[in-house]
Amino acid sequence: MDGIVFKVRENSKIINKAVYIVVGLRRDVKNEVFGLWLGKNESAAFWMSVLTDIKACGTEDILITATDNLNGFTATIKNVSPDSRTQICVVHQIRNACRYVVWKEKKAFTADMKHIYNALN
């Protein structure tokens, strides 16, 4: 689950709009795009409406979620699916960690990170 912010033209002005996307892995091991939603900006409140829509469309339970750790997002998921387990997306973890690394060392740092997130334990 993630939101992507785009700059769009609306009434002759450039504004930000968030596109929320939910991709899932079904029990029969097939990927499925559950939907795309358009909102003003990414927020836990809007995610609540997205998760409610997913539930209303017949999703029985959300077992595991990978998110960007948006403030309040985990609590929102727990409200809709109390038994769900949440983890932070590996890509977001690496991006967040790279903020503290100087530019010339980022390539080596990300190569080292690959050993960590590919480790068995």
PDB file of N, CA and C in Angstrom:
ATOM      1  N   MET A   1       0.841  -1.165   0.000  1.00  0.00           N
ATOM      2  CA  MET A   1       0.000   0.000   0.000  1.00  0.00           C
ATOM      3  C   MET A   1       0.888   1.230   0.000  1.00  0.00           C
ATOM      4  N   ASP A   2       0.599   2.141  -0.913  1.00  0.00           N
ATOM      5  CA  ASP A   2       1.384   3.361  -0.970  1.00  0.00           C
ATOM      6  C   ASP A   2       0.581   4.446  -1.666  1.00  0.00           C
ATOM      7  N   GLY A   3       0.995   5.659  -1.433  1.00  0.00           N
ATOM      8  CA  GLY A   3       0.422   6.810  -2.110  1.00  0.00           C
ATOM      9  C   GLY A   3       1.519   7.509  -2.891  1.00  0.00           C
ATOM     10  N   ILE A   4       1.201   7.924  -4.098  1.00  0.00           N
ATOM     11  CA  ILE A   4       2.156   8.625  -4.939  1.00  0.00           C
ATOM     12  C   ILE A   4       1.578  10.008  -5.220  1.00  0.00           C
ATOM     13  N   VAL A   5       2.383  11.041  -4.983  1.00  0.00           N
ATOM     14  CA  VAL A   5       1.914  12.411  -5.179  1.00  0.00           C
ATOM     15  C   VAL A   5       2.348  12.892  -6.559  1.00  0.00           C
ATOM     16  N   PHE A   6       1.380  13.421  -7.305  1.00  0.00           N
ATOM     17  CA  PHE A   6       1.623  13.980  -8.630  1.00  0.00           C
ATOM     18  C   PHE A   6       1.237  15.445  -8.640  1.00  0.00           C
ATOM     19  N   LYS A   7       1.941  16.223  -9.438  1.00  0.00           N
ATOM     20  CA  LYS A   7       1.550  17.605  -9.676  1.00  0.00           C
ATOM     21  C   LYS A   7       0.620  17.594 -10.878  1.00  0.00           C
ATOM     22  N   VAL A   8      -0.567  18.161 -10.720  1.00  0.00           N
ATOM     23  CA  VAL A   8      -1.557  18.190 -11.799  1.00  0.00           C
ATOM     24  C   VAL A   8      -2.099  19.604 -11.966  1.00  0.00           C
ATOM     25  N   ARG A   9      -2.587  19.889 -13.164  1.00  0.00           N
ATOM     26  CA  ARG A   9      -3.184  21.192 -13.435  1.00  0.00           C
ATOM     27  C   ARG A   9      -4.687  21.100 -13.182  1.00  0.00           C
ATOM     28  N   GLU A  10      -5.179  21.992 -12.352  1.00  0.00           N
ATOM     29  CA  GLU A  10      -6.608  22.047 -12.054  1.00  0.00           C
ATOM     30  C   GLU A  10      -7.026  23.505 -12.011  1.00  0.00           C
ATOM     31  N   ASN A  11      -7.966  23.888 -12.869  1.00  0.00           N
ATOM     32  CA  ASN A  11      -8.433  25.276 -12.940  1.00  0.00           C
ATOM     33  C   ASN A  11      -7.276  26.256 -13.107  1.00  0.00           C
ATOM     34  N   SER A  12      -6.384  25.959 -14.032  1.00  0.00           N
ATOM     35  CA  SER A  12      -5.232  26.810 -14.368  1.00  0.00           C
ATOM     36  C   SER A  12      -4.182  26.909 -13.263  1.00  0.00           C
ATOM     37  N   LYS A  13      -4.265  26.066 -12.263  1.00  0.00           N
ATOM     38  CA  LYS A  13      -3.272  26.039 -11.187  1.00  0.00           C
ATOM     39  C   LYS A  13      -2.631  24.664 -11.130  1.00  0.00           C
ATOM     40  N   ILE A  14      -1.368  24.634 -10.712  1.00  0.00           N
ATOM     41  CA  ILE A  14      -0.681  23.363 -10.490  1.00  0.00           C
ATOM     42  C   ILE A  14      -0.828  23.020  -9.011  1.00  0.00           C
ATOM     43  N   ILE A  15      -1.431  21.854  -8.748  1.00  0.00           N
ATOM     44  CA  ILE A  15      -1.641  21.412  -7.366  1.00  0.00           C
ATOM     45  C   ILE A  15      -1.155  19.973  -7.219  1.00  0.00           C
ATOM     46  N   ASN A  16      -1.004  19.537  -5.990  1.00  0.00           N
ATOM     47  CA  ASN A  16      -0.625  18.155  -5.701  1.00  0.00           C
ATOM     48  C   ASN A  16      -1.874  17.302  -5.536  1.00  0.00           C
ATOM     49  N   LYS A  17      -1.827  16.106  -6.092  1.00  0.00           N
ATOM     50  CA  LYS A  17      -2.881  15.113  -5.883  1.00  0.00           C
ATOM     51  C   LYS A  17      -2.195  13.793  -5.556  1.00  0.00           C
ATOM     52  N   ALA A  18      -2.769  13.048  -4.647  1.00  0.00           N
ATOM     53  CA  ALA A  18      -2.216  11.750  -4.261  1.00  0.00           C
ATOM     54  C   ALA A  18      -3.024  10.633  -4.909  1.00  0.00           C
ATOM     55  N   VAL A  19      -2.323   9.682  -5.481  1.00  0.00           N
ATOM     56  CA  VAL A  19      -2.956   8.473  -6.000  1.00  0.00           C
ATOM     57  C   VAL A  19      -2.585   7.345  -5.044  1.00  0.00           C
ATOM     58  N   TYR A  20      -3.590   6.752  -4.458  1.00  0.00           N
ATOM     59  CA  TYR A  20      -3.398   5.649  -3.519  1.00  0.00           C
ATOM     60  C   TYR A  20      -3.512   4.347  -4.305  1.00  0.00           C
ATOM     61  N   ILE A  21      -2.576   3.433  -4.074  1.00  0.00           N
ATOM     62  CA  ILE A  21      -2.613   2.149  -4.771  1.00  0.00           C
ATOM     63  C   ILE A  21      -2.475   1.016  -3.752  1.00  0.00           C
ATOM     64  N   VAL A  22      -3.268  -0.013  -3.981  1.00  0.00           N
ATOM     65  CA  VAL A  22      -3.198  -1.211  -3.141  1.00  0.00           C
ATOM     66  C   VAL A  22      -3.017  -2.401  -4.067  1.00  0.00           C
ATOM     67  N   VAL A  23      -1.896  -3.085  -3.887  1.00  0.00           N
ATOM     68  CA  VAL A  23      -1.605  -4.306  -4.630  1.00  0.00           C
ATOM     69  C   VAL A  23      -1.553  -5.424  -3.610  1.00  0.00           C
ATOM     70  N   GLY A  24      -2.220  -6.518  -3.905  1.00  0.00           N
ATOM     71  CA  GLY A  24      -2.269  -7.620  -2.958  1.00  0.00           C
ATOM     72  C   GLY A  24      -1.831  -8.926  -3.565  1.00  0.00           C
ATOM     73  N   LEU A  25      -1.493  -9.829  -2.702  1.00  0.00           N
ATOM     74  CA  LEU A  25      -1.170 -11.203  -3.079  1.00  0.00           C
ATOM     75  C   LEU A  25      -2.283 -12.074  -2.508  1.00  0.00           C
ATOM     76  N   ARG A  26      -3.038 -12.690  -3.398  1.00  0.00           N
ATOM     77  CA  ARG A  26      -4.162 -13.510  -2.964  1.00  0.00           C
ATOM     78  C   ARG A  26      -3.684 -14.857  -2.437  1.00  0.00           C
ATOM     79  N   ARG A  27      -4.580 -15.582  -1.809  1.00  0.00           N
ATOM     80  CA  ARG A  27      -4.236 -16.904  -1.270  1.00  0.00           C
ATOM     81  C   ARG A  27      -3.813 -17.889  -2.358  1.00  0.00           C
ATOM     82  N   ASP A  28      -4.306 -17.688  -3.600  1.00  0.00           N
ATOM     83  CA  ASP A  28      -3.892 -18.565  -4.695  1.00  0.00           C
ATOM     84  C   ASP A  28      -2.594 -18.073  -5.348  1.00  0.00           C
ATOM     85  N   VAL A  29      -1.862 -17.205  -4.648  1.00  0.00           N
ATOM     86  CA  VAL A  29      -0.539 -16.693  -5.009  1.00  0.00           C
ATOM     87  C   VAL A  29      -0.557 -15.892  -6.320  1.00  0.00           C
ATOM     88  N   LYS A  30      -1.641 -15.210  -6.594  1.00  0.00           N
ATOM     89  CA  LYS A  30      -1.715 -14.321  -7.750  1.00  0.00           C
ATOM     90  C   LYS A  30      -1.763 -12.880  -7.260  1.00  0.00           C
ATOM     91  N   ASN A  31      -0.988 -12.018  -7.930  1.00  0.00           N
ATOM     92  CA  ASN A  31      -1.018 -10.590  -7.597  1.00  0.00           C
ATOM     93  C   ASN A  31      -2.301  -9.974  -8.128  1.00  0.00           C
ATOM     94  N   GLU A  32      -2.801  -9.015  -7.399  1.00  0.00           N
ATOM     95  CA  GLU A  32      -4.020  -8.338  -7.823  1.00  0.00           C
ATOM     96  C   GLU A  32      -3.939  -6.878  -7.420  1.00  0.00           C
ATOM     97  N   VAL A  33      -4.261  -5.990  -8.357  1.00  0.00           N
ATOM     98  CA  VAL A  33      -4.384  -4.575  -8.022  1.00  0.00           C
ATOM     99  C   VAL A  33      -5.796  -4.393  -7.485  1.00  0.00           C
ATOM    100  N   PHE A  34      -5.898  -4.054  -6.214  1.00  0.00           N
ATOM    101  CA  PHE A  34      -7.206  -3.892  -5.586  1.00  0.00           C
ATOM    102  C   PHE A  34      -7.862  -2.582  -6.003  1.00  0.00           C
ATOM    103  N   GLY A  35      -7.038  -1.612  -6.361  1.00  0.00           N
ATOM    104  CA  GLY A  35      -7.620  -0.363  -6.835  1.00  0.00           C
ATOM    105  C   GLY A  35      -6.672   0.813  -6.762  1.00  0.00           C
ATOM    106  N   LEU A  36      -7.119   1.889  -7.375  1.00  0.00           N
ATOM    107  CA  LEU A  36      -6.447   3.181  -7.343  1.00  0.00           C
ATOM    108  C   LEU A  36      -7.472   4.198  -6.868  1.00  0.00           C
ATOM    109  N   TRP A  37      -7.084   5.042  -5.946  1.00  0.00           N
ATOM    110  CA  TRP A  37      -7.967   6.070  -5.419  1.00  0.00           C
ATOM    111  C   TRP A  37      -7.269   7.416  -5.537  1.00  0.00           C
ATOM    112  N   LEU A  38      -8.011   8.458  -5.832  1.00  0.00           N
ATOM    113  CA  LEU A  38      -7.454   9.800  -5.975  1.00  0.00           C
ATOM    114  C   LEU A  38      -7.853  10.641  -4.774  1.00  0.00           C
ATOM    115  N   GLY A  39      -6.877  11.273  -4.143  1.00  0.00           N
ATOM    116  CA  GLY A  39      -7.139  12.118  -2.982  1.00  0.00           C
ATOM    117  C   GLY A  39      -6.315  13.389  -3.030  1.00  0.00           C
ATOM    118  N   LYS A  40      -6.525  14.247  -2.043  1.00  0.00           N
ATOM    119  CA  LYS A  40      -5.800  15.514  -1.991  1.00  0.00           C
ATOM    120  C   LYS A  40      -4.337  15.306  -1.616  1.00  0.00           C
ATOM    121  N   ASN A  41      -4.113  14.577  -0.536  1.00  0.00           N
ATOM    122  CA  ASN A  41      -2.750  14.249  -0.098  1.00  0.00           C
ATOM    123  C   ASN A  41      -2.812  12.942   0.690  1.00  0.00           C
ATOM    124  N   GLU A  42      -1.664  12.327   0.882  1.00  0.00           N
ATOM    125  CA  GLU A  42      -1.653  11.042   1.574  1.00  0.00           C
ATOM    126  C   GLU A  42      -1.875  11.257   3.061  1.00  0.00           C
ATOM    127  N   SER A  43      -2.873  10.568   3.606  1.00  0.00           N
ATOM    128  CA  SER A  43      -3.166  10.694   5.036  1.00  0.00           C
ATOM    129  C   SER A  43      -3.765   9.386   5.543  1.00  0.00           C
ATOM    130  N   ALA A  44      -3.616   9.172   6.832  1.00  0.00           N
ATOM    131  CA  ALA A  44      -4.180   7.972   7.452  1.00  0.00           C
ATOM    132  C   ALA A  44      -5.707   7.976   7.359  1.00  0.00           C
ATOM    133  N   ALA A  45      -6.313   9.159   7.415  1.00  0.00           N
ATOM    134  CA  ALA A  45      -7.774   9.258   7.330  1.00  0.00           C
ATOM    135  C   ALA A  45      -8.271   8.785   5.964  1.00  0.00           C
ATOM    136  N   PHE A  46      -7.583   9.192   4.902  1.00  0.00           N
ATOM    137  CA  PHE A  46      -8.008   8.738   3.576  1.00  0.00           C
ATOM    138  C   PHE A  46      -7.767   7.248   3.419  1.00  0.00           C
ATOM    139  N   TRP A  47      -6.652   6.748   3.981  1.00  0.00           N
ATOM    140  CA  TRP A  47      -6.381   5.309   3.926  1.00  0.00           C
ATOM    141  C   TRP A  47      -7.510   4.522   4.588  1.00  0.00           C
ATOM    142  N   MET A  48      -8.128   5.081   5.624  1.00  0.00           N
ATOM    143  CA  MET A  48      -9.247   4.404   6.287  1.00  0.00           C
ATOM    144  C   MET A  48     -10.385   4.186   5.294  1.00  0.00           C
ATOM    145  N   SER A  49     -10.675   5.186   4.461  1.00  0.00           N
ATOM    146  CA  SER A  49     -11.745   5.020   3.469  1.00  0.00           C
ATOM    147  C   SER A  49     -11.351   4.001   2.401  1.00  0.00           C
ATOM    148  N   VAL A  50     -10.075   3.963   2.025  1.00  0.00           N
ATOM    149  CA  VAL A  50      -9.588   2.984   1.052  1.00  0.00           C
ATOM    150  C   VAL A  50      -9.742   1.572   1.615  1.00  0.00           C
ATOM    151  N   LEU A  51      -9.301   1.361   2.843  1.00  0.00           N
ATOM    152  CA  LEU A  51      -9.393   0.037   3.462  1.00  0.00           C
ATOM    153  C   LEU A  51     -10.842  -0.391   3.662  1.00  0.00           C
ATOM    154  N   THR A  52     -11.705   0.553   3.980  1.00  0.00           N
ATOM    155  CA  THR A  52     -13.132   0.260   4.116  1.00  0.00           C
ATOM    156  C   THR A  52     -13.721  -0.163   2.775  1.00  0.00           C
ATOM    157  N   ASP A  53     -13.312   0.513   1.687  1.00  0.00           N
ATOM    158  CA  ASP A  53     -13.747   0.131   0.336  1.00  0.00           C
ATOM    159  C   ASP A  53     -13.314  -1.290   0.004  1.00  0.00           C
ATOM    160  N   ILE A  54     -12.073  -1.612   0.320  1.00  0.00           N
ATOM    161  CA  ILE A  54     -11.543  -2.946   0.031  1.00  0.00           C
ATOM    162  C   ILE A  54     -12.353  -4.004   0.775  1.00  0.00           C
ATOM    163  N   LYS A  55     -12.650  -3.737   2.031  1.00  0.00           N
ATOM    164  CA  LYS A  55     -13.433  -4.667   2.851  1.00  0.00           C
ATOM    165  C   LYS A  55     -14.847  -4.831   2.264  1.00  0.00           C
ATOM    166  N   ALA A  56     -15.439  -3.707   1.821  1.00  0.00           N
ATOM    167  CA  ALA A  56     -16.791  -3.736   1.256  1.00  0.00           C
ATOM    168  C   ALA A  56     -16.847  -4.509  -0.062  1.00  0.00           C
ATOM    169  N   CYS A  57     -15.722  -4.580  -0.765  1.00  0.00           N
ATOM    170  CA  CYS A  57     -15.671  -5.312  -2.046  1.00  0.00           C
ATOM    171  C   CYS A  57     -15.451  -6.802  -1.864  1.00  0.00           C
ATOM    172  N   GLY A  58     -15.373  -7.265  -0.623  1.00  0.00           N
ATOM    173  CA  GLY A  58     -15.305  -8.699  -0.383  1.00  0.00           C
ATOM    174  C   GLY A  58     -14.004  -9.238   0.170  1.00  0.00           C
ATOM    175  N   THR A  59     -13.027  -8.380   0.419  1.00  0.00           N
ATOM    176  CA  THR A  59     -11.787  -8.866   1.026  1.00  0.00           C
ATOM    177  C   THR A  59     -12.095  -9.295   2.452  1.00  0.00           C
ATOM    178  N   GLU A  60     -11.820 -10.546   2.748  1.00  0.00           N
ATOM    179  CA  GLU A  60     -12.160 -11.081   4.062  1.00  0.00           C
ATOM    180  C   GLU A  60     -11.217 -10.595   5.154  1.00  0.00           C
ATOM    181  N   ASP A  61      -9.899 -10.620   4.858  1.00  0.00           N
ATOM    182  CA  ASP A  61      -8.938 -10.235   5.873  1.00  0.00           C
ATOM    183  C   ASP A  61      -7.648  -9.790   5.205  1.00  0.00           C
ATOM    184  N   ILE A  62      -6.940  -8.905   5.870  1.00  0.00           N
ATOM    185  CA  ILE A  62      -5.628  -8.462   5.420  1.00  0.00           C
ATOM    186  C   ILE A  62      -4.630  -9.073   6.391  1.00  0.00           C
ATOM    187  N   LEU A  63      -3.803  -9.980   5.898  1.00  0.00           N
ATOM    188  CA  LEU A  63      -2.895 -10.698   6.782  1.00  0.00           C
ATOM    189  C   LEU A  63      -1.603  -9.919   7.053  1.00  0.00           C
ATOM    190  N   ILE A  64      -0.974  -9.409   5.984  1.00  0.00           N
ATOM    191  CA  ILE A  64       0.288  -8.679   6.112  1.00  0.00           C
ATOM    192  C   ILE A  64       0.215  -7.446   5.220  1.00  0.00           C
ATOM    193  N   THR A  65       0.725  -6.334   5.721  1.00  0.00           N
ATOM    194  CA  THR A  65       0.793  -5.122   4.904  1.00  0.00           C
ATOM    195  C   THR A  65       2.223  -4.611   4.869  1.00  0.00           C
ATOM    196  N   ALA A  66       2.609  -4.064   3.741  1.00  0.00           N
ATOM    197  CA  ALA A  66       3.891  -3.381   3.603  1.00  0.00           C
ATOM    198  C   ALA A  66       3.564  -1.933   3.279  1.00  0.00           C
ATOM    199  N   THR A  67       4.023  -1.033   4.134  1.00  0.00           N
ATOM    200  CA  THR A  67       3.680   0.378   3.985  1.00  0.00           C
ATOM    201  C   THR A  67       4.926   1.243   4.103  1.00  0.00           C
ATOM    202  N   ASP A  68       4.733   2.547   3.910  1.00  0.00           N
ATOM    203  CA  ASP A  68       5.840   3.498   4.034  1.00  0.00           C
ATOM    204  C   ASP A  68       5.950   4.066   5.447  1.00  0.00           C
ATOM    205  N   ASN A  69       5.185   3.529   6.380  1.00  0.00           N
ATOM    206  CA  ASN A  69       5.198   3.952   7.782  1.00  0.00           C
ATOM    207  C   ASN A  69       4.650   5.364   7.978  1.00  0.00           C
ATOM    208  N   LEU A  70       3.676   5.732   7.163  1.00  0.00           N
ATOM    209  CA  LEU A  70       2.983   7.013   7.319  1.00  0.00           C
ATOM    210  C   LEU A  70       2.417   7.102   8.730  1.00  0.00           C
ATOM    211  N   ASN A  71       2.530   8.255   9.338  1.00  0.00           N
ATOM    212  CA  ASN A  71       2.066   8.452  10.705  1.00  0.00           C
ATOM    213  C   ASN A  71       0.579   8.085  10.829  1.00  0.00           C
ATOM    214  N   GLY A  72       0.264   7.133  11.689  1.00  0.00           N
ATOM    215  CA  GLY A  72      -1.114   6.710  11.932  1.00  0.00           C
ATOM    216  C   GLY A  72      -1.609   5.609  11.015  1.00  0.00           C
ATOM    217  N   PHE A  73      -0.811   5.225  10.029  1.00  0.00           N
ATOM    218  CA  PHE A  73      -1.246   4.234   9.046  1.00  0.00           C
ATOM    219  C   PHE A  73      -1.424   2.862   9.684  1.00  0.00           C
ATOM    220  N   THR A  74      -0.479   2.443  10.515  1.00  0.00           N
ATOM    221  CA  THR A  74      -0.562   1.133  11.157  1.00  0.00           C
ATOM    222  C   THR A  74      -1.816   1.040  12.029  1.00  0.00           C
ATOM    223  N   ALA A  75      -2.115   2.088  12.774  1.00  0.00           N
ATOM    224  CA  ALA A  75      -3.324   2.099  13.613  1.00  0.00           C
ATOM    225  C   ALA A  75      -4.586   2.015  12.749  1.00  0.00           C
ATOM    226  N   THR A  76      -4.562   2.681  11.605  1.00  0.00           N
ATOM    227  CA  THR A  76      -5.706   2.637  10.688  1.00  0.00           C
ATOM    228  C   THR A  76      -5.921   1.217  10.173  1.00  0.00           C
ATOM    229  N   ILE A  77      -4.839   0.559   9.803  1.00  0.00           N
ATOM    230  CA  ILE A  77      -4.932  -0.827   9.328  1.00  0.00           C
ATOM    231  C   ILE A  77      -5.485  -1.724  10.423  1.00  0.00           C
ATOM    232  N   LYS A  78      -5.005  -1.538  11.652  1.00  0.00           N
ATOM    233  CA  LYS A  78      -5.473  -2.353  12.789  1.00  0.00           C
ATOM    234  C   LYS A  78      -6.959  -2.142  13.063  1.00  0.00           C
ATOM    235  N   ASN A  79      -7.480  -0.929  12.806  1.00  0.00           N
ATOM    236  CA  ASN A  79      -8.909  -0.667  12.996  1.00  0.00           C
ATOM    237  C   ASN A  79      -9.758  -1.501  12.042  1.00  0.00           C
ATOM    238  N   VAL A  80      -9.293  -1.656  10.806  1.00  0.00           N
ATOM    239  CA  VAL A  80     -10.051  -2.391   9.799  1.00  0.00           C
ATOM    240  C   VAL A  80      -9.781  -3.893   9.877  1.00  0.00           C
ATOM    241  N   SER A  81      -8.526  -4.247  10.148  1.00  0.00           N
ATOM    242  CA  SER A  81      -8.132  -5.658  10.193  1.00  0.00           C
ATOM    243  C   SER A  81      -7.229  -5.882  11.407  1.00  0.00           C
ATOM    244  N   PRO A  82      -7.816  -6.138  12.574  1.00  0.00           N
ATOM    245  CA  PRO A  82      -7.061  -6.203  13.839  1.00  0.00           C
ATOM    246  C   PRO A  82      -5.925  -7.224  13.877  1.00  0.00           C
ATOM    247  N   ASP A  83      -6.039  -8.318  13.142  1.00  0.00           N
ATOM    248  CA  ASP A  83      -5.003  -9.356  13.186  1.00  0.00           C
ATOM    249  C   ASP A  83      -3.888  -9.147  12.161  1.00  0.00           C
ATOM    250  N   SER A  84      -3.973  -8.083  11.390  1.00  0.00           N
ATOM    251  CA  SER A  84      -2.981  -7.819  10.352  1.00  0.00           C
ATOM    252  C   SER A  84      -1.623  -7.476  10.954  1.00  0.00           C
ATOM    253  N   ARG A  85      -0.564  -7.925  10.282  1.00  0.00           N
ATOM    254  CA  ARG A  85       0.805  -7.579  10.683  1.00  0.00           C
ATOM    255  C   ARG A  85       1.336  -6.582   9.670  1.00  0.00           C
ATOM    256  N   THR A  86       2.028  -5.552  10.148  1.00  0.00           N
ATOM    257  CA  THR A  86       2.528  -4.495   9.282  1.00  0.00           C
ATOM    258  C   THR A  86       4.046  -4.473   9.303  1.00  0.00           C
ATOM    259  N   GLN A  87       4.631  -4.288   8.133  1.00  0.00           N
ATOM    260  CA  GLN A  87       6.071  -4.101   8.034  1.00  0.00           C
ATOM    261  C   GLN A  87       6.336  -2.911   7.119  1.00  0.00           C
ATOM    262  N   ILE A  88       7.487  -2.285   7.299  1.00  0.00           N
ATOM    263  CA  ILE A  88       7.847  -1.151   6.462  1.00  0.00           C
ATOM    264  C   ILE A  88       8.459  -1.691   5.178  1.00  0.00           C
ATOM    265  N   CYS A  89       8.053  -1.137   4.067  1.00  0.00           N
ATOM    266  CA  CYS A  89       8.550  -1.523   2.746  1.00  0.00           C
ATOM    267  C   CYS A  89      10.071  -1.366   2.698  1.00  0.00           C
ATOM    268  N   VAL A  90      10.753  -2.351   2.132  1.00  0.00           N
ATOM    269  CA  VAL A  90      12.216  -2.341   2.055  1.00  0.00           C
ATOM    270  C   VAL A  90      12.709  -1.109   1.290  1.00  0.00           C
ATOM    271  N   VAL A  91      12.041  -0.774   0.204  1.00  0.00           N
ATOM    272  CA  VAL A  91      12.455   0.395  -0.590  1.00  0.00           C
ATOM    273  C   VAL A  91      12.393   1.659   0.255  1.00  0.00           C
ATOM    274  N   HIS A  92      11.332   1.816   1.030  1.00  0.00           N
ATOM    275  CA  HIS A  92      11.207   2.999   1.890  1.00  0.00           C
ATOM    276  C   HIS A  92      12.264   2.984   3.000  1.00  0.00           C
ATOM    277  N   GLN A  93      12.576   1.815   3.543  1.00  0.00           N
ATOM    278  CA  GLN A  93      13.607   1.730   4.575  1.00  0.00           C
ATOM    279  C   GLN A  93      14.956   2.185   4.020  1.00  0.00           C
ATOM    280  N   ILE A  94      15.289   1.722   2.812  1.00  0.00           N
ATOM    281  CA  ILE A  94      16.566   2.098   2.215  1.00  0.00           C
ATOM    282  C   ILE A  94      16.599   3.596   1.907  1.00  0.00           C
ATOM    283  N   ARG A  95      15.513   4.116   1.337  1.00  0.00           N
ATOM    284  CA  ARG A  95      15.459   5.555   1.045  1.00  0.00           C
ATOM    285  C   ARG A  95      15.626   6.380   2.314  1.00  0.00           C
ATOM    286  N   ASN A  96      14.950   5.969   3.374  1.00  0.00           N
ATOM    287  CA  ASN A  96      15.052   6.705   4.640  1.00  0.00           C
ATOM    288  C   ASN A  96      16.469   6.641   5.199  1.00  0.00           C
ATOM    289  N   ALA A  97      17.109   5.479   5.123  1.00  0.00           N
ATOM    290  CA  ALA A  97      18.473   5.333   5.632  1.00  0.00           C
ATOM    291  C   ALA A  97      19.468   6.127   4.787  1.00  0.00           C
ATOM    292  N   CYS A  98      19.239   6.200   3.489  1.00  0.00           N
ATOM    293  CA  CYS A  98      20.162   6.917   2.579  1.00  0.00           C
ATOM    294  C   CYS A  98      20.205   8.421   2.853  1.00  0.00           C
ATOM    295  N   ARG A  99      19.225   8.937   3.522  1.00  0.00           N
ATOM    296  CA  ARG A  99      19.231  10.374   3.855  1.00  0.00           C
ATOM    297  C   ARG A  99      20.419  10.749   4.738  1.00  0.00           C
ATOM    298  N   TYR A 100      20.957   9.771   5.461  1.00  0.00           N
ATOM    299  CA  TYR A 100      22.041  10.027   6.405  1.00  0.00           C
ATOM    300  C   TYR A 100      23.413   9.650   5.848  1.00  0.00           C
ATOM    301  N   VAL A 101      23.468   9.330   4.549  1.00  0.00           N
ATOM    302  CA  VAL A 101      24.715   8.899   3.920  1.00  0.00           C
ATOM    303  C   VAL A 101      25.136   9.962   2.895  1.00  0.00           C
ATOM    304  N   VAL A 102      26.418  10.303   2.895  1.00  0.00           N
ATOM    305  CA  VAL A 102      26.906  11.288   1.929  1.00  0.00           C
ATOM    306  C   VAL A 102      26.826  10.699   0.526  1.00  0.00           C
ATOM    307  N   TRP A 103      26.667  11.564  -0.476  1.00  0.00           N
ATOM    308  CA  TRP A 103      26.404  11.158  -1.856  1.00  0.00           C
ATOM    309  C   TRP A 103      27.426  10.147  -2.388  1.00  0.00           C
ATOM    310  N   LYS A 104      28.718  10.400  -2.186  1.00  0.00           N
ATOM    311  CA  LYS A 104      29.735   9.536  -2.783  1.00  0.00           C
ATOM    312  C   LYS A 104      29.767   8.134  -2.167  1.00  0.00           C
ATOM    313  N   GLU A 105      29.137   7.936  -1.030  1.00  0.00           N
ATOM    314  CA  GLU A 105      29.114   6.620  -0.378  1.00  0.00           C
ATOM    315  C   GLU A 105      27.781   5.879  -0.546  1.00  0.00           C
ATOM    316  N   LYS A 106      26.806   6.485  -1.229  1.00  0.00           N
ATOM    317  CA  LYS A 106      25.483   5.871  -1.346  1.00  0.00           C
ATOM    318  C   LYS A 106      25.492   4.564  -2.131  1.00  0.00           C
ATOM    319  N   LYS A 107      26.279   4.489  -3.188  1.00  0.00           N
ATOM    320  CA  LYS A 107      26.303   3.268  -3.998  1.00  0.00           C
ATOM    321  C   LYS A 107      26.814   2.083  -3.177  1.00  0.00           C
ATOM    322  N   ALA A 108      27.896   2.273  -2.458  1.00  0.00           N
ATOM    323  CA  ALA A 108      28.439   1.207  -1.606  1.00  0.00           C
ATOM    324  C   ALA A 108      27.477   0.882  -0.465  1.00  0.00           C
ATOM    325  N   PHE A 109      26.848   1.905   0.091  1.00  0.00           N
ATOM    326  CA  PHE A 109      25.898   1.712   1.188  1.00  0.00           C
ATOM    327  C   PHE A 109      24.707   0.864   0.750  1.00  0.00           C
ATOM    328  N   THR A 110      24.137   1.187  -0.409  1.00  0.00           N
ATOM    329  CA  THR A 110      22.978   0.424  -0.876  1.00  0.00           C
ATOM    330  C   THR A 110      23.370  -1.011  -1.238  1.00  0.00           C
ATOM    331  N   ALA A 111      24.594  -1.205  -1.722  1.00  0.00           N
ATOM    332  CA  ALA A 111      25.072  -2.575  -1.994  1.00  0.00           C
ATOM    333  C   ALA A 111      25.179  -3.371  -0.695  1.00  0.00           C
ATOM    334  N   ASP A 112      25.670  -2.726   0.362  1.00  0.00           N
ATOM    335  CA  ASP A 112      25.754  -3.386   1.674  1.00  0.00           C
ATOM    336  C   ASP A 112      24.358  -3.673   2.233  1.00  0.00           C
ATOM    337  N   MET A 113      23.428  -2.754   2.013  1.00  0.00           N
ATOM    338  CA  MET A 113      22.054  -2.941   2.499  1.00  0.00           C
ATOM    339  C   MET A 113      21.407  -4.166   1.851  1.00  0.00           C
ATOM    340  N   LYS A 114      21.760  -4.432   0.595  1.00  0.00           N
ATOM    341  CA  LYS A 114      21.191  -5.578  -0.119  1.00  0.00           C
ATOM    342  C   LYS A 114      21.492  -6.883   0.626  1.00  0.00           C
ATOM    343  N   HIS A 115      22.677  -6.995   1.224  1.00  0.00           N
ATOM    344  CA  HIS A 115      23.033  -8.177   2.005  1.00  0.00           C
ATOM    345  C   HIS A 115      22.131  -8.315   3.233  1.00  0.00           C
ATOM    346  N   ILE A 116      21.766  -7.180   3.795  1.00  0.00           N
ATOM    347  CA  ILE A 116      20.915  -7.205   4.994  1.00  0.00           C
ATOM    348  C   ILE A 116      19.494  -7.635   4.657  1.00  0.00           C
ATOM    349  N   TYR A 117      18.870  -6.990   3.659  1.00  0.00           N
ATOM    350  CA  TYR A 117      17.465  -7.335   3.401  1.00  0.00           C
ATOM    351  C   TYR A 117      17.295  -8.638   2.625  1.00  0.00           C
ATOM    352  N   ASN A 118      18.375  -9.209   2.097  1.00  0.00           N
ATOM    353  CA  ASN A 118      18.293 -10.539   1.485  1.00  0.00           C
ATOM    354  C   ASN A 118      18.684 -11.658   2.458  1.00  0.00           C
ATOM    355  N   ALA A 119      19.117 -11.285   3.675  1.00  0.00           N
ATOM    356  CA  ALA A 119      19.542 -12.291   4.666  1.00  0.00           C
ATOM    357  C   ALA A 119      18.345 -13.129   5.134  1.00  0.00           C
ATOM    358  N   LEU A 120      18.613 -14.371   5.457  1.00  0.00           N
ATOM    359  CA  LEU A 120      17.555 -15.255   5.933  1.00  0.00           C
ATOM    360  C   LEU A 120      17.082 -14.887   7.334  1.00  0.00           C
ATOM    361  N   ASN A 121      17.991 -14.378   8.171  1.00  0.00           N
ATOM    362  CA  ASN A 121      17.599 -13.979   9.532  1.00  0.00           C
ATOM    363  C   ASN A 121      18.484 -12.847  10.013  1.00  0.00           C
TER     364      ASN A 121
END
